[in-house]
Amino acid sequence: MDVTLNVFIAIIGLIVTIFTGIIIIWQLTDKIKKSTKNISKDVANEQIEEYDKLSRERLTQSIEMIEHKIDTKIDSLKESIASYIKEQKKLNNNSIENIQLLKASLIEAYKYDIRKVYYKLRETGEITDANKAYIDKIFPMYRSLGGNSDIEAKYKAMCEVYEKQTQEAFDEARRKKQLSAQEVLDLDFKEEIPNDLQ
């Protein structure tokens, strides 16, 4: 396309040069008319008119030739642009199809991973921190890609179980801590009681 643009610029430059030449010729013609006062006006006028006529014919031919070249280049440029647009539309359509395939693949992969963790949870009754973190990471992406509500229900169930599991772990840790504290108190109390009273 750069070549076409350069040709177009060169043609415009040629047209400007031709018009400049015509103006110079007309100015020379005026000078010739003034300088030929001693020559018979009729002879000079006839020659000038004949020269003007020939100059106009040549100019008209040059302009027509340049216009034809420009029209040819413009037609060629239009064909190139139309071809480019057609090819670009094909590429765009292929890209859209590829994106749709990739989207569908991602949805299925996320769905598979979520279900895998969910069924493991159903089997064991527990969900690991790593699995919960992974599910929390991929679920929003799954949803934004257009995932279905079946998986959303599974995700909510996993969240509920994880909350209960975490709460139970906290409760158990607190109970153990309380038991440990009580055992220490019991030991301290036993040490204070004489052996014969125990």
Protein backbone atom coordinates (compact mmCIF):
# COMPACT_ATOMS: atom_id res chain seq x y z
CA MET A 1 0.00 0.00 0.00
CA ASP A 2 3.03 2.29 0.60
CA VAL A 3 3.92 1.94 -3.09
CA THR A 4 0.40 2.97 -4.13
CA LEU A 5 0.60 6.00 -1.85
CA ASN A 6 3.99 6.96 -3.28
CA VAL A 7 2.65 6.63 -6.84
CA PHE A 8 -0.36 8.73 -5.94
CA ILE A 9 1.90 11.45 -4.43
CA ALA A 10 4.13 11.35 -7.52
CA ILE A 11 1.10 11.78 -9.79
CA ILE A 12 -0.13 14.77 -7.76
CA GLY A 13 3.37 16.24 -8.02
CA LEU A 14 3.29 15.73 -11.80
CA ILE A 15 -0.07 17.49 -12.06
CA VAL A 16 1.25 20.45 -10.05
CA THR A 17 4.33 20.60 -12.31
CA ILE A 18 2.17 20.56 -15.46
CA PHE A 19 -0.08 23.34 -14.15
CA THR A 20 3.00 25.38 -13.19
CA GLY A 21 4.33 24.86 -16.73
CA ILE A 22 1.04 26.04 -18.21
CA ILE A 23 1.08 29.19 -16.10
CA ILE A 24 4.65 29.88 -17.18
CA ILE A 25 3.69 29.27 -20.80
CA TRP A 26 0.77 31.69 -20.52
CA GLN A 27 3.05 34.28 -18.93
CA LEU A 28 5.58 33.77 -21.71
CA THR A 29 2.77 34.12 -24.20
CA ASP A 30 1.87 37.50 -22.72
CA LYS A 31 5.49 38.58 -22.87
CA ILE A 32 5.73 37.40 -26.45
CA LYS A 33 2.62 39.38 -27.32
CA LYS A 34 4.11 42.54 -25.83
CA SER A 35 7.56 42.08 -27.34
CA THR A 36 6.26 41.51 -30.84
CA LYS A 37 4.84 45.00 -31.33
CA ASN A 38 6.98 45.43 -34.39
CA ILE A 39 5.68 42.21 -35.91
CA SER A 40 2.40 42.26 -37.58
CA LYS A 41 -0.35 41.79 -35.02
CA ASP A 42 -2.25 39.34 -37.17
CA VAL A 43 0.71 37.02 -37.73
CA ALA A 44 1.68 37.14 -34.08
CA ASN A 45 -1.87 36.60 -32.88
CA GLU A 46 -2.32 33.66 -35.23
CA GLN A 47 0.88 32.03 -34.02
CA ILE A 48 -0.02 32.68 -30.40
CA GLU A 49 -3.50 31.29 -30.86
CA GLU A 50 -2.13 28.26 -32.65
CA TYR A 51 0.45 27.79 -29.88
CA ASP A 52 -2.25 28.21 -27.22
CA LYS A 53 -4.44 25.69 -29.02
CA LEU A 54 -1.59 23.15 -29.22
CA SER A 55 -0.67 23.79 -25.58
CA ARG A 56 -4.27 23.29 -24.47
CA GLU A 57 -4.55 20.07 -26.49
CA ARG A 58 -1.33 18.72 -25.00
CA LEU A 59 -2.41 19.79 -21.53
CA THR A 60 -5.82 18.13 -22.00
CA GLN A 61 -4.12 14.93 -23.22
CA SER A 62 -1.70 14.98 -20.28
CA ILE A 63 -4.51 15.58 -17.78
CA GLU A 64 -6.62 12.79 -19.30
CA MET A 65 -3.65 10.43 -19.19
CA ILE A 66 -2.91 11.33 -15.57
CA GLU A 67 -6.59 10.99 -14.61
CA HIS A 68 -6.66 7.56 -16.21
CA LYS A 69 -3.54 6.50 -14.29
CA ILE A 70 -5.01 7.85 -11.04
CA ASP A 71 -8.32 6.07 -11.66
CA THR A 72 -6.44 2.83 -12.35
CA LYS A 73 -4.38 3.19 -9.18
CA ILE A 74 -7.50 4.03 -7.12
CA ASP A 75 -9.31 0.98 -8.50
CA SER A 76 -6.31 -1.18 -7.67
CA LEU A 77 -6.19 0.33 -4.19
CA LYS A 78 -9.92 -0.32 -3.69
CA GLU A 79 -9.43 -3.95 -4.69
CA SER A 80 -6.52 -4.31 -2.28
CA ILE A 81 -8.52 -2.78 0.57
CA ALA A 82 -11.55 -4.96 -0.19
CA SER A 83 -9.31 -8.04 -0.21
CA TYR A 84 -7.70 -6.98 3.06
CA ILE A 85 -11.11 -6.37 4.70
CA LYS A 86 -12.37 -9.77 3.52
CA GLU A 87 -9.28 -11.52 4.90
CA GLN A 88 -9.50 -9.57 8.16
CA LYS A 89 -13.15 -10.60 8.59
CA LYS A 90 -12.14 -14.25 8.14
CA LEU A 91 -9.41 -13.85 10.75
CA ASN A 92 -11.82 -12.13 13.13
CA ASN A 93 -14.39 -14.90 12.71
CA ASN A 94 -11.70 -17.54 13.32
CA SER A 95 -10.56 -15.66 16.43
CA ILE A 96 -14.12 -15.48 17.73
CA GLU A 97 -14.59 -19.20 17.15
CA ASN A 98 -11.30 -19.96 18.90
CA ILE A 99 -12.25 -17.76 21.83
CA GLN A 100 -15.62 -19.52 22.10
CA LEU A 101 -13.88 -22.91 22.06
CA LEU A 102 -11.39 -21.78 24.67
CA LYS A 103 -14.19 -20.39 26.82
CA ALA A 104 -16.14 -23.66 26.58
CA SER A 105 -12.97 -25.63 27.44
CA LEU A 106 -12.26 -23.45 30.46
CA ILE A 107 -15.84 -23.81 31.70
CA GLU A 108 -15.60 -27.59 31.42
CA ALA A 109 -12.18 -27.70 33.11
CA TYR A 110 -13.37 -25.51 35.99
CA LYS A 111 -16.58 -27.54 36.28
CA TYR A 112 -14.56 -30.77 36.39
CA ASP A 113 -12.23 -29.43 39.10
CA ILE A 114 -15.08 -28.10 41.24
CA ARG A 115 -17.02 -31.34 40.95
CA LYS A 116 -13.89 -33.35 41.76
CA VAL A 117 -13.38 -31.45 45.01
CA TYR A 118 -17.10 -31.61 45.79
CA TYR A 119 -17.31 -35.40 45.36
CA LYS A 120 -14.16 -35.85 47.44
CA LEU A 121 -15.85 -33.75 50.13
CA ARG A 122 -18.96 -35.92 49.94
CA GLU A 123 -16.80 -39.02 50.26
CA THR A 124 -14.60 -37.84 53.15
CA GLY A 125 -16.74 -35.17 54.79
CA GLU A 126 -13.77 -32.78 54.75
CA ILE A 127 -12.24 -30.24 52.42
CA THR A 128 -8.57 -29.28 52.62
CA ASP A 129 -7.43 -25.67 52.86
CA ALA A 130 -5.61 -26.04 49.53
CA ASN A 131 -8.71 -27.37 47.77
CA LYS A 132 -10.90 -24.63 49.27
CA ALA A 133 -8.42 -21.95 48.21
CA TYR A 134 -8.31 -23.39 44.69
CA ILE A 135 -12.10 -23.55 44.44
CA ASP A 136 -12.39 -19.98 45.76
CA LYS A 137 -9.94 -18.92 43.04
CA ILE A 138 -11.58 -20.65 40.06
CA PHE A 139 -15.27 -20.31 40.95
CA PRO A 140 -15.51 -16.56 40.13
CA MET A 141 -13.82 -17.23 36.78
CA TYR A 142 -16.18 -20.12 36.10
CA ARG A 143 -19.15 -17.92 36.89
CA SER A 144 -17.91 -14.99 34.78
CA LEU A 145 -17.54 -17.34 31.81
CA GLY A 146 -21.22 -18.28 32.15
CA GLY A 147 -21.10 -21.40 34.33
CA ASN A 148 -24.38 -22.99 35.47
CA SER A 149 -26.21 -22.96 38.79
CA ASP A 150 -25.57 -26.66 39.50
CA ILE A 151 -21.93 -25.85 40.18
CA GLU A 152 -22.93 -22.76 42.13
CA ALA A 153 -24.99 -24.95 44.47
CA LYS A 154 -22.02 -27.29 44.92
CA TYR A 155 -19.77 -24.32 45.66
CA LYS A 156 -22.16 -22.99 48.31
CA ALA A 157 -22.35 -26.44 49.93
CA MET A 158 -18.54 -26.65 50.01
CA CYS A 159 -18.34 -23.20 51.61
CA GLU A 160 -20.86 -24.18 54.28
CA VAL A 161 -19.00 -27.40 55.08
CA TYR A 162 -15.68 -25.57 55.19
CA GLU A 163 -17.11 -22.97 57.60
CA LYS A 164 -18.46 -25.72 59.86
CA GLN A 165 -15.20 -27.65 59.60
CA THR A 166 -13.20 -24.55 60.49
CA GLN A 167 -15.50 -23.71 63.39
CA GLU A 168 -15.22 -27.28 64.69
CA ALA A 169 -11.42 -27.08 64.47
CA PHE A 170 -11.46 -23.82 66.46
CA ASP A 171 -13.83 -25.31 69.04
CA GLU A 172 -11.65 -28.42 69.36
CA ALA A 173 -8.50 -26.32 69.77
CA ARG A 174 -10.22 -24.22 72.44
CA ARG A 175 -11.46 -27.37 74.24
CA LYS A 176 -7.96 -28.86 74.19
CA LYS A 177 -6.52 -25.66 75.56
CA GLN A 178 -9.11 -25.60 78.32
CA LEU A 179 -8.42 -29.27 79.11
CA SER A 180 -4.69 -28.59 79.23
CA ALA A 181 -5.26 -25.70 81.60
CA GLN A 182 -7.51 -27.88 83.80
CA GLU A 183 -4.94 -30.68 83.83
CA VAL A 184 -2.27 -28.22 84.96
CA LEU A 185 -4.58 -27.01 87.73
CA ASP A 186 -5.32 -30.60 88.75
CA LEU A 187 -1.61 -31.41 88.86
CA ASP A 188 -0.87 -28.31 90.92
CA PHE A 189 -3.69 -29.23 93.31
CA LYS A 190 -2.46 -32.82 93.64
CA GLU A 191 1.02 -31.61 94.53
CA GLU A 192 -0.39 -29.53 97.39
CA ILE A 193 -2.31 -32.49 98.92
CA PRO A 194 -0.17 -34.68 101.14
CA ASN A 195 0.45 -38.19 99.89
CA ASP A 196 -1.40 -39.84 102.69
CA LEU A 197 -4.61 -37.93 101.84
CA GLN A 198 -4.57 -38.73 98.23
